[in-house]
N, C-alpha and C. Protein backbone atom coordinates (compact mmCIF):
# COMPACT_ATOMS: atom_id res chain seq x y z
N MET A 1 77.45 243.17 64.49
CA MET A 1 76.62 243.64 65.57
C MET A 1 75.62 242.62 66.01
N GLY A 2 75.13 241.88 64.96
CA GLY A 2 74.13 240.89 65.28
C GLY A 2 74.61 239.74 66.04
N HIS A 3 75.94 239.40 65.76
CA HIS A 3 76.58 238.29 66.53
C HIS A 3 76.77 238.74 67.94
N SER A 4 77.16 239.98 68.28
CA SER A 4 77.40 240.55 69.44
C SER A 4 76.15 240.48 70.33
N SER A 5 74.89 240.86 69.60
CA SER A 5 73.61 240.79 70.29
C SER A 5 73.25 239.41 70.75
N VAL A 6 73.59 238.44 69.95
CA VAL A 6 73.31 237.04 70.27
C VAL A 6 74.11 236.62 71.40
N LEU A 7 75.34 236.99 71.40
CA LEU A 7 76.24 236.57 72.65
C LEU A 7 75.81 237.31 73.92
N ARG A 8 75.39 238.58 73.80
CA ARG A 8 74.95 239.31 74.90
C ARG A 8 73.69 238.62 75.44
N PHE A 9 72.64 238.16 74.64
CA PHE A 9 71.51 237.58 75.01
C PHE A 9 71.83 236.28 75.66
N ASP A 10 72.72 235.51 75.14
CA ASP A 10 73.05 234.16 75.73
C ASP A 10 73.74 234.39 77.12
N LEU A 11 74.44 235.42 77.23
CA LEU A 11 75.07 235.67 78.54
C LEU A 11 74.12 235.88 79.59
N GLN A 12 73.24 236.87 79.21
CA GLN A 12 72.13 237.40 80.02
C GLN A 12 71.26 236.10 80.47
N THR A 13 70.91 235.21 79.49
CA THR A 13 70.10 234.03 79.76
C THR A 13 70.87 233.10 80.74
N CYS A 14 72.19 233.00 80.51
CA CYS A 14 72.94 232.06 81.41
C CYS A 14 72.97 232.60 82.75
N ILE A 15 73.14 233.93 82.92
CA ILE A 15 73.14 234.57 84.28
C ILE A 15 71.77 234.33 85.05
N LEU A 16 70.74 234.61 84.27
CA LEU A 16 69.45 234.41 84.76
C LEU A 16 69.18 233.00 85.23
N CYS A 17 69.65 232.10 84.43
CA CYS A 17 69.45 230.66 84.84
C CYS A 17 70.20 230.41 86.08
N ILE A 18 71.56 230.76 86.12
CA ILE A 18 72.32 230.57 87.37
C ILE A 18 71.62 231.08 88.58
N LEU A 19 71.12 232.36 88.51
CA LEU A 19 70.42 232.98 89.66
C LEU A 19 69.22 232.15 90.01
N LYS A 20 68.40 231.66 89.05
CA LYS A 20 67.23 230.78 89.30
C LYS A 20 67.62 229.55 89.94
N TYR A 21 68.69 228.91 89.45
CA TYR A 21 69.03 227.51 90.05
C TYR A 21 69.74 227.84 91.50
N SER A 22 70.29 228.84 91.64
CA SER A 22 70.95 229.20 93.05
C SER A 22 69.73 229.41 93.93
N ASP A 23 68.74 230.22 93.57
CA ASP A 23 67.53 230.39 94.43
C ASP A 23 66.88 229.17 94.82
N ASP A 24 66.72 228.35 93.82
CA ASP A 24 66.04 227.06 94.08
C ASP A 24 66.85 226.16 95.01
N LEU A 25 68.19 226.12 94.76
CA LEU A 25 69.05 225.40 95.68
C LEU A 25 69.01 225.88 97.14
N LEU A 26 69.00 227.29 97.32
CA LEU A 26 68.97 227.70 98.61
C LEU A 26 67.59 227.33 99.43
N LYS A 27 66.50 227.50 98.63
CA LYS A 27 65.22 227.12 99.07
C LYS A 27 65.14 225.65 99.69
N GLU A 28 65.80 224.83 98.71
CA GLU A 28 65.86 223.37 99.11
C GLU A 28 66.74 223.11 100.32
N VAL A 29 67.81 223.85 100.46
CA VAL A 29 68.63 223.78 101.74
C VAL A 29 67.85 224.23 102.86
N ILE A 30 67.21 225.33 102.78
CA ILE A 30 66.40 225.74 103.90
C ILE A 30 65.28 224.80 104.39
N THR A 31 64.58 224.26 103.40
CA THR A 31 63.53 223.20 103.75
C THR A 31 64.14 221.97 104.27
N LYS A 32 65.16 221.43 103.68
CA LYS A 32 65.72 220.17 104.07
C LYS A 32 66.49 220.29 105.41
N ASN A 33 66.98 221.36 105.80
CA ASN A 33 67.68 221.43 107.12
C ASN A 33 66.87 222.33 108.29
N ASN A 34 65.57 222.53 107.81
CA ASN A 34 64.68 223.19 108.80
C ASN A 34 65.35 224.57 109.32
N LEU A 35 65.71 225.36 108.23
CA LEU A 35 66.24 226.73 108.62
C LEU A 35 65.38 227.74 108.21
N THR A 36 65.66 229.05 108.72
CA THR A 36 64.84 230.19 108.21
C THR A 36 65.74 230.87 107.10
N GLU A 37 65.19 231.70 106.30
CA GLU A 37 66.05 232.28 105.38
C GLU A 37 67.07 233.24 106.04
N VAL A 38 66.72 233.99 107.16
CA VAL A 38 67.63 234.74 107.82
C VAL A 38 68.84 233.94 108.37
N GLU A 39 68.57 232.70 108.87
CA GLU A 39 69.49 231.88 109.43
C GLU A 39 70.51 231.49 108.29
N LEU A 40 70.00 231.08 107.17
CA LEU A 40 70.88 230.63 106.00
C LEU A 40 71.75 231.90 105.61
N LYS A 41 71.18 233.06 105.56
CA LYS A 41 71.95 234.18 105.04
C LYS A 41 73.06 234.43 106.04
N SER A 42 72.93 233.97 107.26
CA SER A 42 73.98 234.27 108.26
C SER A 42 75.11 233.18 108.20
N TYR A 43 75.01 232.25 107.33
CA TYR A 43 76.13 231.28 107.00
C TYR A 43 77.18 231.88 106.12
N GLU A 44 78.50 231.49 106.35
CA GLU A 44 79.52 231.79 105.40
C GLU A 44 79.44 230.75 104.26
N PHE A 45 80.08 231.06 103.15
CA PHE A 45 80.03 230.27 101.97
C PHE A 45 80.44 228.73 102.29
N GLU A 46 81.64 228.67 103.04
CA GLU A 46 82.19 227.37 103.30
C GLU A 46 81.17 226.55 104.25
N GLU A 47 80.47 227.35 105.13
CA GLU A 47 79.61 226.67 106.03
C GLU A 47 78.31 226.04 105.21
N VAL A 48 77.95 226.87 104.13
CA VAL A 48 76.81 226.40 103.37
C VAL A 48 77.25 225.05 102.61
N LEU A 49 78.54 225.14 102.21
CA LEU A 49 79.01 223.90 101.58
C LEU A 49 79.01 222.63 102.45
N ASP A 50 79.46 222.94 103.72
CA ASP A 50 79.53 221.87 104.60
C ASP A 50 78.22 221.48 105.09
N LEU A 51 77.25 222.26 105.06
CA LEU A 51 75.79 221.98 105.36
C LEU A 51 75.28 221.04 104.35
N VAL A 52 75.41 221.44 102.97
CA VAL A 52 74.98 220.70 101.84
C VAL A 52 75.69 219.30 101.82
N LYS A 53 76.89 219.28 102.07
CA LYS A 53 77.72 217.93 101.81
C LYS A 53 77.49 217.08 103.04
N ASN A 54 77.67 217.65 104.22
CA ASN A 54 77.76 216.83 105.46
C ASN A 54 76.54 216.94 106.50
N GLY A 55 75.72 217.93 106.02
CA GLY A 55 74.51 218.19 106.93
C GLY A 55 74.96 218.85 108.32
N LYS A 56 76.12 219.55 108.29
CA LYS A 56 76.57 220.17 109.54
C LYS A 56 76.07 221.53 109.72
N LYS A 57 75.34 221.91 110.79
CA LYS A 57 74.79 223.13 111.00
C LYS A 57 75.80 223.97 111.79
N ALA A 58 75.66 225.28 111.38
CA ALA A 58 76.44 226.24 112.16
C ALA A 58 75.81 226.50 113.59
N SER A 59 76.63 226.92 114.52
CA SER A 59 76.00 227.16 115.88
C SER A 59 74.95 228.29 115.91
N SER A 60 73.86 228.04 116.52
CA SER A 60 72.73 228.95 116.68
C SER A 60 73.24 230.24 117.29
N ASP A 61 73.94 230.11 118.37
CA ASP A 61 74.48 231.34 119.03
C ASP A 61 75.41 232.05 118.17
N LEU A 62 76.19 231.46 117.27
CA LEU A 62 76.99 232.24 116.38
C LEU A 62 76.18 233.05 115.19
N LEU A 63 75.11 232.27 114.70
CA LEU A 63 74.32 232.96 113.75
C LEU A 63 73.53 234.11 114.33
N ILE A 64 73.17 234.04 115.64
CA ILE A 64 72.48 235.13 116.29
C ILE A 64 73.29 236.39 116.38
N LYS A 65 74.62 236.05 116.69
CA LYS A 65 75.54 237.13 116.80
C LYS A 65 75.94 237.83 115.45
N ARG A 66 75.91 237.01 114.40
CA ARG A 66 76.18 237.56 113.12
C ARG A 66 75.02 238.51 112.65
N GLN A 67 73.71 237.99 113.02
CA GLN A 67 72.67 238.76 112.69
C GLN A 67 72.59 240.13 113.36
N LYS A 68 73.21 240.18 114.58
CA LYS A 68 73.31 241.45 115.22
C LYS A 68 74.41 242.44 114.61
N GLY A 69 75.28 241.83 113.89
CA GLY A 69 76.31 242.66 113.31
C GLY A 69 77.42 241.78 112.75
N PHE A 70 77.87 242.10 111.45
CA PHE A 70 78.90 241.31 110.85
C PHE A 70 79.76 242.23 109.86
N LEU A 71 81.03 242.20 110.06
CA LEU A 71 82.01 242.96 109.30
C LEU A 71 83.22 242.15 108.98
N ARG A 72 83.68 242.17 107.74
CA ARG A 72 84.97 241.57 107.45
C ARG A 72 85.78 242.65 106.61
N VAL A 73 87.03 242.86 107.35
CA VAL A 73 87.85 243.85 106.78
C VAL A 73 89.10 243.28 106.11
N TYR A 74 89.41 243.69 104.76
CA TYR A 74 90.52 243.13 104.16
C TYR A 74 91.55 244.25 104.04
N ARG A 75 92.69 243.99 104.61
CA ARG A 75 93.89 244.92 104.50
C ARG A 75 95.04 244.12 104.00
N HIS A 76 95.46 244.31 102.77
CA HIS A 76 96.62 243.74 102.15
C HIS A 76 96.41 242.12 102.23
N ASP A 77 97.31 241.55 102.93
CA ASP A 77 97.21 240.10 103.21
C ASP A 77 96.51 239.72 104.52
N ASP A 78 96.03 240.67 105.27
CA ASP A 78 95.46 240.60 106.48
C ASP A 78 93.81 240.55 106.42
N VAL A 79 93.14 239.57 106.89
CA VAL A 79 91.71 239.65 106.87
C VAL A 79 91.27 239.46 108.29
N LYS A 80 90.31 240.31 108.81
CA LYS A 80 89.75 240.17 110.09
C LYS A 80 88.25 240.29 110.07
N THR A 81 87.57 239.41 110.92
CA THR A 81 86.10 239.34 110.97
C THR A 81 85.66 239.79 112.33
N PHE A 82 84.64 240.65 112.34
CA PHE A 82 84.01 241.22 113.55
C PHE A 82 82.53 240.82 113.48
N ILE A 83 81.95 240.48 114.64
CA ILE A 83 80.60 240.13 114.80
C ILE A 83 79.91 240.78 115.90
N ALA A 84 78.62 240.94 116.00
CA ALA A 84 77.84 241.51 117.08
C ALA A 84 78.37 242.94 117.32
N GLU A 85 78.57 243.14 118.77
CA GLU A 85 78.92 244.53 119.10
C GLU A 85 80.33 244.84 118.55
N ASP A 86 81.24 243.92 118.46
CA ASP A 86 82.51 244.23 117.95
C ASP A 86 82.45 244.75 116.46
N ALA A 87 81.45 244.32 115.62
CA ALA A 87 81.36 244.84 114.38
C ALA A 87 80.85 246.25 114.40
N HIS A 88 79.92 246.56 115.29
CA HIS A 88 79.44 247.95 115.42
C HIS A 88 80.63 248.88 115.81
N LYS A 89 81.35 248.47 116.75
CA LYS A 89 82.49 249.19 117.24
C LYS A 89 83.48 249.44 116.10
N GLU A 90 83.75 248.39 115.35
CA GLU A 90 84.81 248.45 114.38
C GLU A 90 84.34 249.53 113.14
N ILE A 91 82.99 249.37 112.84
CA ILE A 91 82.38 250.24 111.78
C ILE A 91 82.37 251.71 112.21
N THR A 92 82.10 251.90 113.59
CA THR A 92 82.21 253.35 114.10
C THR A 92 83.68 253.80 114.03
N SER A 93 84.59 252.96 114.34
CA SER A 93 86.00 253.44 114.17
C SER A 93 86.49 253.65 112.83
N LEU A 94 86.04 252.82 111.87
CA LEU A 94 86.37 253.08 110.50
C LEU A 94 85.77 254.33 109.90
N LEU A 95 84.46 254.67 110.26
CA LEU A 95 83.86 255.81 109.88
C LEU A 95 84.43 257.04 110.46
N GLU A 96 84.90 257.05 111.72
CA GLU A 96 85.63 258.13 112.33
C GLU A 96 87.04 258.27 111.66
N PHE A 97 87.63 257.22 111.32
CA PHE A 97 88.91 257.35 110.66
C PHE A 97 88.73 258.06 109.32
N ARG A 98 87.71 257.58 108.46
CA ARG A 98 87.39 258.13 107.19
C ARG A 98 87.11 259.70 107.40
N LYS A 99 86.22 260.04 108.36
CA LYS A 99 85.82 261.47 108.59
C LYS A 99 87.01 262.29 108.86
N ASN A 100 88.02 261.87 109.70
CA ASN A 100 89.22 262.54 110.06
C ASN A 100 90.13 262.73 108.76
N GLU A 101 90.26 261.61 108.02
CA GLU A 101 90.97 261.52 106.78
C GLU A 101 90.55 262.62 105.75
N ILE A 102 89.21 262.76 105.61
CA ILE A 102 88.62 263.69 104.78
C ILE A 102 88.86 265.17 105.24
N SER A 103 88.63 265.36 106.53
CA SER A 103 88.83 266.67 107.07
C SER A 103 90.21 267.20 106.93
N GLN A 104 91.23 266.30 106.90
CA GLN A 104 92.64 266.64 106.96
C GLN A 104 93.17 266.70 105.53
N THR A 105 92.42 266.28 104.59
CA THR A 105 92.96 266.27 103.17
C THR A 105 92.98 267.65 102.52
N LYS A 106 94.05 268.02 101.94
CA LYS A 106 94.24 269.28 101.37
C LYS A 106 94.14 269.21 99.89
N ASN A 107 94.71 267.96 99.30
CA ASN A 107 94.41 267.73 97.86
C ASN A 107 94.40 266.20 97.73
N LEU A 108 94.14 265.78 96.40
CA LEU A 108 93.92 264.46 96.18
C LEU A 108 95.14 263.99 95.20
N LYS A 109 95.42 262.71 95.28
CA LYS A 109 96.48 262.13 94.42
C LYS A 109 95.90 260.83 93.89
N GLY A 110 95.98 260.78 92.48
CA GLY A 110 95.52 259.59 91.89
C GLY A 110 96.49 259.22 90.77
N THR A 111 96.08 258.17 90.00
CA THR A 111 96.79 257.69 88.88
C THR A 111 96.40 258.35 87.57
N ILE A 112 97.27 258.71 86.73
CA ILE A 112 96.94 259.31 85.51
C ILE A 112 96.59 258.30 84.53
N ALA A 113 95.29 258.15 84.11
CA ALA A 113 94.79 257.08 83.26
C ALA A 113 94.81 257.57 81.71
N SER A 114 94.56 258.87 81.55
CA SER A 114 94.57 259.39 80.18
C SER A 114 95.09 260.84 80.21
N TRP A 115 95.89 261.14 79.26
CA TRP A 115 96.58 262.45 79.12
C TRP A 115 96.67 262.60 77.63
N PRO A 116 95.65 263.01 76.97
CA PRO A 116 95.69 263.03 75.46
C PRO A 116 96.54 264.21 74.85
N ASP A 117 96.63 265.31 75.57
CA ASP A 117 97.47 266.39 74.94
C ASP A 117 98.55 266.63 75.95
N LYS A 118 99.81 266.19 75.63
CA LYS A 118 100.91 266.28 76.54
C LYS A 118 101.30 267.77 76.62
N ASN A 119 100.82 268.74 75.84
CA ASN A 119 101.14 270.14 75.95
C ASN A 119 100.27 270.87 77.00
N VAL A 120 99.21 270.17 77.49
CA VAL A 120 98.38 270.70 78.46
C VAL A 120 98.51 269.89 79.76
N GLU A 121 99.32 270.56 80.71
CA GLU A 121 99.52 269.82 82.07
C GLU A 121 98.50 270.17 83.07
N ILE A 122 97.87 271.27 82.97
CA ILE A 122 96.93 271.82 84.06
C ILE A 122 95.47 272.02 83.42
N ILE A 123 94.55 271.52 84.00
CA ILE A 123 93.26 271.74 83.65
C ILE A 123 92.48 272.27 84.75
N LYS A 124 91.68 273.34 84.46
CA LYS A 124 90.92 274.01 85.58
C LYS A 124 89.39 274.04 85.20
N GLY A 125 88.60 273.80 86.17
CA GLY A 125 87.06 273.81 85.76
C GLY A 125 86.32 273.54 87.01
N LYS A 126 84.97 273.36 86.70
CA LYS A 126 83.93 273.20 87.79
C LYS A 126 83.67 271.74 87.84
N ALA A 127 83.59 271.24 89.09
CA ALA A 127 83.40 269.81 89.40
C ALA A 127 81.87 269.54 89.43
N PHE A 128 81.64 268.38 88.84
CA PHE A 128 80.20 267.83 88.94
C PHE A 128 80.42 266.48 89.58
N VAL A 129 80.02 266.40 90.83
CA VAL A 129 80.18 265.10 91.77
C VAL A 129 78.86 264.23 91.70
N LEU A 130 79.08 263.04 91.25
CA LEU A 130 78.04 262.07 91.24
C LEU A 130 78.41 261.07 92.43
N THR A 131 77.67 261.36 93.56
CA THR A 131 77.95 260.59 94.88
C THR A 131 77.27 259.40 95.08
N THR A 132 76.16 258.99 94.50
CA THR A 132 75.42 257.89 94.88
C THR A 132 74.69 257.17 93.69
N ALA A 133 74.44 255.87 93.78
CA ALA A 133 73.82 255.20 92.79
C ALA A 133 72.38 255.40 92.76
N PHE A 134 71.78 255.78 94.00
CA PHE A 134 70.43 256.18 94.23
C PHE A 134 69.98 257.30 93.48
N GLY A 135 69.20 257.21 92.48
CA GLY A 135 68.64 258.44 91.79
C GLY A 135 69.68 259.05 90.93
N ALA A 136 70.77 258.23 90.63
CA ALA A 136 71.94 258.89 89.86
C ALA A 136 71.44 259.08 88.43
N ASP A 137 70.55 258.35 87.90
CA ASP A 137 70.08 258.73 86.45
C ASP A 137 69.54 259.96 86.38
N ASP A 138 68.80 260.48 87.42
CA ASP A 138 68.21 261.77 87.46
C ASP A 138 69.28 262.94 87.82
N VAL A 139 70.17 262.66 88.69
CA VAL A 139 71.23 263.59 89.16
C VAL A 139 72.11 263.98 88.00
N ILE A 140 72.54 262.96 87.24
CA ILE A 140 73.59 263.11 86.28
C ILE A 140 72.97 264.10 85.07
N LYS A 141 71.57 264.15 84.87
CA LYS A 141 71.05 264.90 83.92
C LYS A 141 71.33 266.33 84.00
N SER A 142 71.63 266.93 85.21
CA SER A 142 71.92 268.28 85.52
C SER A 142 73.38 268.66 85.24
N MET A 143 74.25 267.78 84.81
CA MET A 143 75.61 268.02 84.45
C MET A 143 75.63 268.88 83.25
N LYS A 144 76.55 269.85 83.29
CA LYS A 144 76.57 270.80 82.18
C LYS A 144 77.86 270.50 81.34
N HIS A 145 77.84 270.88 80.03
CA HIS A 145 79.02 270.66 79.07
C HIS A 145 80.25 271.32 79.72
N GLY A 146 81.30 270.69 79.59
CA GLY A 146 82.62 271.22 80.09
C GLY A 146 82.88 271.15 81.64
N GLU A 147 81.95 270.54 82.36
CA GLU A 147 82.27 270.30 83.76
C GLU A 147 83.18 269.06 83.96
N ILE A 148 83.88 269.03 85.02
CA ILE A 148 84.76 267.82 85.43
C ILE A 148 83.92 266.78 86.07
N LEU A 149 83.70 265.72 85.51
CA LEU A 149 82.89 264.60 86.11
C LEU A 149 83.76 263.95 87.21
N VAL A 150 83.16 263.92 88.36
CA VAL A 150 83.76 263.25 89.56
C VAL A 150 82.84 262.12 90.01
N ALA A 151 83.37 260.88 90.00
CA ALA A 151 82.48 259.82 90.28
C ALA A 151 83.23 258.68 91.03
N THR A 152 82.52 257.85 91.78
CA THR A 152 83.15 256.72 92.49
C THR A 152 83.78 255.90 91.40
N GLN A 153 83.03 255.52 90.29
CA GLN A 153 83.66 254.86 89.18
C GLN A 153 82.64 255.19 88.07
N THR A 154 83.01 254.76 87.00
CA THR A 154 82.11 254.97 85.73
C THR A 154 81.65 253.67 85.11
N HIS A 155 80.63 253.80 84.42
CA HIS A 155 79.98 252.66 83.76
C HIS A 155 79.41 252.98 82.52
N PRO A 156 78.94 252.10 81.57
CA PRO A 156 78.45 252.45 80.32
C PRO A 156 77.44 253.52 80.12
N ALA A 157 76.54 253.59 81.16
CA ALA A 157 75.41 254.60 81.17
C ALA A 157 75.89 256.00 81.26
N LEU A 158 77.22 256.12 81.71
CA LEU A 158 77.83 257.51 81.90
C LEU A 158 78.58 258.02 80.76
N VAL A 159 78.76 257.07 79.66
CA VAL A 159 79.55 257.42 78.50
C VAL A 159 79.01 258.68 77.82
N PRO A 160 77.74 258.97 77.68
CA PRO A 160 77.38 260.33 77.09
C PRO A 160 77.83 261.51 77.96
N TYR A 161 77.89 261.37 79.17
CA TYR A 161 78.27 262.52 80.00
C TYR A 161 79.89 262.68 80.14
N MET A 162 80.46 261.45 80.04
CA MET A 162 81.93 261.52 79.85
C MET A 162 82.40 262.28 78.59
N LYS A 163 81.62 262.08 77.49
CA LYS A 163 81.93 262.73 76.34
C LYS A 163 81.82 264.32 76.44
N GLU A 164 80.76 264.76 77.23
CA GLU A 164 80.48 266.13 77.52
C GLU A 164 81.47 266.75 78.52
N SER A 165 82.18 265.91 79.27
CA SER A 165 83.00 266.48 80.34
C SER A 165 84.33 267.02 79.86
N LEU A 166 84.81 267.99 80.67
CA LEU A 166 86.30 268.46 80.41
C LEU A 166 87.26 267.42 80.83
N ALA A 167 87.06 266.80 81.84
CA ALA A 167 87.95 265.69 82.34
C ALA A 167 87.11 264.77 83.21
N ILE A 168 87.79 263.66 83.71
CA ILE A 168 87.07 262.63 84.51
C ILE A 168 88.03 262.30 85.74
N ILE A 169 87.41 262.20 86.90
CA ILE A 169 88.09 261.74 88.16
C ILE A 169 87.27 260.87 88.86
N THR A 170 87.91 259.71 89.35
CA THR A 170 87.26 258.68 90.07
C THR A 170 87.88 258.39 91.40
N ASP A 171 87.11 257.87 92.27
CA ASP A 171 87.64 257.34 93.60
C ASP A 171 88.35 256.08 93.35
N GLU A 172 87.83 255.09 92.51
CA GLU A 172 88.36 253.85 92.45
C GLU A 172 88.86 253.58 91.06
N GLY A 173 89.39 252.25 90.90
CA GLY A 173 89.80 251.89 89.56
C GLY A 173 91.34 251.77 89.35
N GLY A 174 91.62 250.75 88.45
CA GLY A 174 92.94 250.59 88.05
C GLY A 174 93.15 251.06 86.67
N ILE A 175 94.30 250.76 86.00
CA ILE A 175 94.59 251.43 84.67
C ILE A 175 93.75 250.79 83.57
N THR A 176 93.12 249.64 83.89
CA THR A 176 92.33 248.90 82.92
C THR A 176 90.88 248.95 83.26
N CYS A 177 90.44 249.91 84.06
CA CYS A 177 89.02 250.06 84.51
C CYS A 177 88.24 250.72 83.43
N HIS A 178 86.91 250.80 83.62
CA HIS A 178 86.09 251.42 82.64
C HIS A 178 86.42 252.86 82.35
N ALA A 179 86.66 253.68 83.41
CA ALA A 179 86.91 255.06 83.30
C ALA A 179 88.27 255.25 82.54
N ALA A 180 89.31 254.48 82.76
CA ALA A 180 90.53 254.61 82.07
C ALA A 180 90.47 254.28 80.60
N ILE A 181 89.81 253.17 80.30
CA ILE A 181 89.75 252.71 78.98
C ILE A 181 88.96 253.76 78.00
N VAL A 182 87.73 254.06 78.61
CA VAL A 182 86.82 254.91 77.86
C VAL A 182 87.33 256.29 77.74
N SER A 183 88.01 256.81 78.74
CA SER A 183 88.61 258.26 78.64
C SER A 183 89.63 258.28 77.58
N ARG A 184 90.49 257.30 77.48
CA ARG A 184 91.46 257.25 76.41
C ARG A 184 90.82 257.12 75.05
N GLU A 185 89.66 256.41 74.93
CA GLU A 185 89.02 256.30 73.66
C GLU A 185 88.38 257.58 73.24
N LEU A 186 87.91 258.40 74.26
CA LEU A 186 87.28 259.61 73.99
C LEU A 186 88.26 260.75 73.88
N GLY A 187 89.56 260.61 74.34
CA GLY A 187 90.45 261.58 74.28
C GLY A 187 90.20 262.61 75.50
N LYS A 188 89.69 262.05 76.52
CA LYS A 188 89.55 262.96 77.79
C LYS A 188 90.56 262.73 78.87
N PRO A 189 91.06 263.76 79.47
CA PRO A 189 91.97 263.61 80.58
C PRO A 189 91.27 262.89 81.67
N CYS A 190 92.03 262.03 82.50
CA CYS A 190 91.29 261.23 83.53
C CYS A 190 92.40 260.79 84.55
N ILE A 191 91.88 261.01 85.76
CA ILE A 191 92.69 260.61 86.96
C ILE A 191 91.87 259.62 87.75
N ILE A 192 92.39 258.44 88.01
CA ILE A 192 91.63 257.41 88.72
C ILE A 192 92.25 257.12 89.98
N GLY A 193 91.59 256.48 90.82
CA GLY A 193 92.05 255.90 92.18
C GLY A 193 92.43 256.87 93.17
N THR A 194 91.63 258.02 93.22
CA THR A 194 91.86 259.10 94.16
C THR A 194 91.37 258.74 95.61
N ARG A 195 90.53 257.77 95.65
CA ARG A 195 90.00 257.37 96.86
C ARG A 195 88.90 258.17 97.53
N LEU A 196 89.17 259.46 97.58
CA LEU A 196 88.33 260.38 98.33
C LEU A 196 87.57 261.47 97.49
N ALA A 197 87.76 261.49 96.19
CA ALA A 197 87.21 262.54 95.30
C ALA A 197 85.77 262.86 95.63
N THR A 198 84.93 261.92 95.74
CA THR A 198 83.54 262.27 95.86
C THR A 198 83.19 262.53 97.30
N LYS A 199 84.15 262.49 98.25
CA LYS A 199 83.92 262.88 99.51
C LYS A 199 84.55 264.32 99.77
N PHE A 200 85.61 264.51 99.18
CA PHE A 200 86.47 265.76 99.36
C PHE A 200 86.00 266.93 98.46
N LEU A 201 85.35 266.69 97.25
CA LEU A 201 84.84 267.56 96.37
C LEU A 201 83.31 267.70 96.39
N LYS A 202 82.81 268.83 96.09
CA LYS A 202 81.29 269.09 95.96
C LYS A 202 81.04 269.60 94.51
N THR A 203 79.85 269.28 94.06
CA THR A 203 79.41 269.88 92.91
C THR A 203 79.65 271.42 92.88
N GLY A 204 80.11 272.00 91.96
CA GLY A 204 80.27 273.56 91.90
C GLY A 204 81.75 273.98 92.35
N ASP A 205 82.52 273.06 92.99
CA ASP A 205 83.88 273.48 93.33
C ASP A 205 84.62 273.79 92.16
N GLN A 206 85.48 274.84 92.27
CA GLN A 206 86.45 275.13 91.13
C GLN A 206 87.76 274.28 91.47
N ILE A 207 88.16 273.45 90.66
CA ILE A 207 89.30 272.44 90.88
C ILE A 207 90.36 272.63 89.79
N GLU A 208 91.50 272.18 90.27
CA GLU A 208 92.69 272.19 89.23
C GLU A 208 93.13 270.73 89.30
N VAL A 209 93.35 270.22 88.07
CA VAL A 209 93.82 268.84 87.81
C VAL A 209 95.21 268.90 87.10
N ASP A 210 96.18 268.41 87.72
CA ASP A 210 97.59 268.38 87.29
C ASP A 210 97.81 267.03 86.63
N LEU A 211 97.83 267.03 85.33
CA LEU A 211 97.94 265.76 84.57
C LEU A 211 99.40 265.15 84.52
N LYS A 212 100.31 265.96 85.09
CA LYS A 212 101.68 265.47 85.16
C LYS A 212 101.95 264.73 86.54
N THR A 213 101.20 265.26 87.49
CA THR A 213 101.43 264.55 88.85
C THR A 213 100.32 263.65 89.31
N GLY A 214 99.11 263.92 88.78
CA GLY A 214 97.98 263.28 89.21
C GLY A 214 97.30 263.79 90.44
N ILE A 215 97.67 265.06 90.70
CA ILE A 215 97.22 265.88 91.87
C ILE A 215 95.91 266.64 91.51
N VAL A 216 94.99 266.65 92.40
CA VAL A 216 93.67 267.35 92.10
C VAL A 216 93.49 268.14 93.43
N LYS A 217 93.20 269.42 93.17
CA LYS A 217 92.95 270.30 94.35
C LYS A 217 91.95 271.46 94.10
N LYS A 218 91.47 271.94 95.23
CA LYS A 218 90.33 273.00 95.02
C LYS A 218 91.18 274.38 94.77
N ILE A 219 90.54 275.21 94.21
CA ILE A 219 91.11 276.49 93.87
C ILE A 219 90.19 277.54 94.17
């Protein structure tokens, strides 16, 4: 345990040093190139490197457009970038698509990360939905023993509540994510990667979890 504590301290110290050096570097870049902080934040990483190495500044018009709006969408092998009004239009379109997707969803399908008792295929219970990181520490305290924890993803601070849960459902994560690993260690049923669980379900909903198919639905 002592060795682990030392390693953790060293890692934290290393991260803090990197952040401090990065902050100092960016301040130096701003001063040397006569830029504002907002302008530098509008640079892409490759452009910052080019600025540092070759003194090449990005176009002022391009930076202004990015400050009005910037969005990068990753879809499989395709990457698209939108700036200014195009970014706002694309964000509106994506939000509308998500809204329609949620309204048309009848049930959820995820990956079975933990199925401790193969004799129990169906679990029914009340959902407790943790929807936001803001104030989450206070929200989670109202979770009751035996509720099904529904979260975007889990993290170490949620482990005590995972222990109290009947099952765990997440929007995100792969088979080696925190929720998957910890649920197996705790012997808790867990469905991950449902994408829409925290949007489709509300705290208090009675739900059914099919551990054989990975399907979650309201009942």
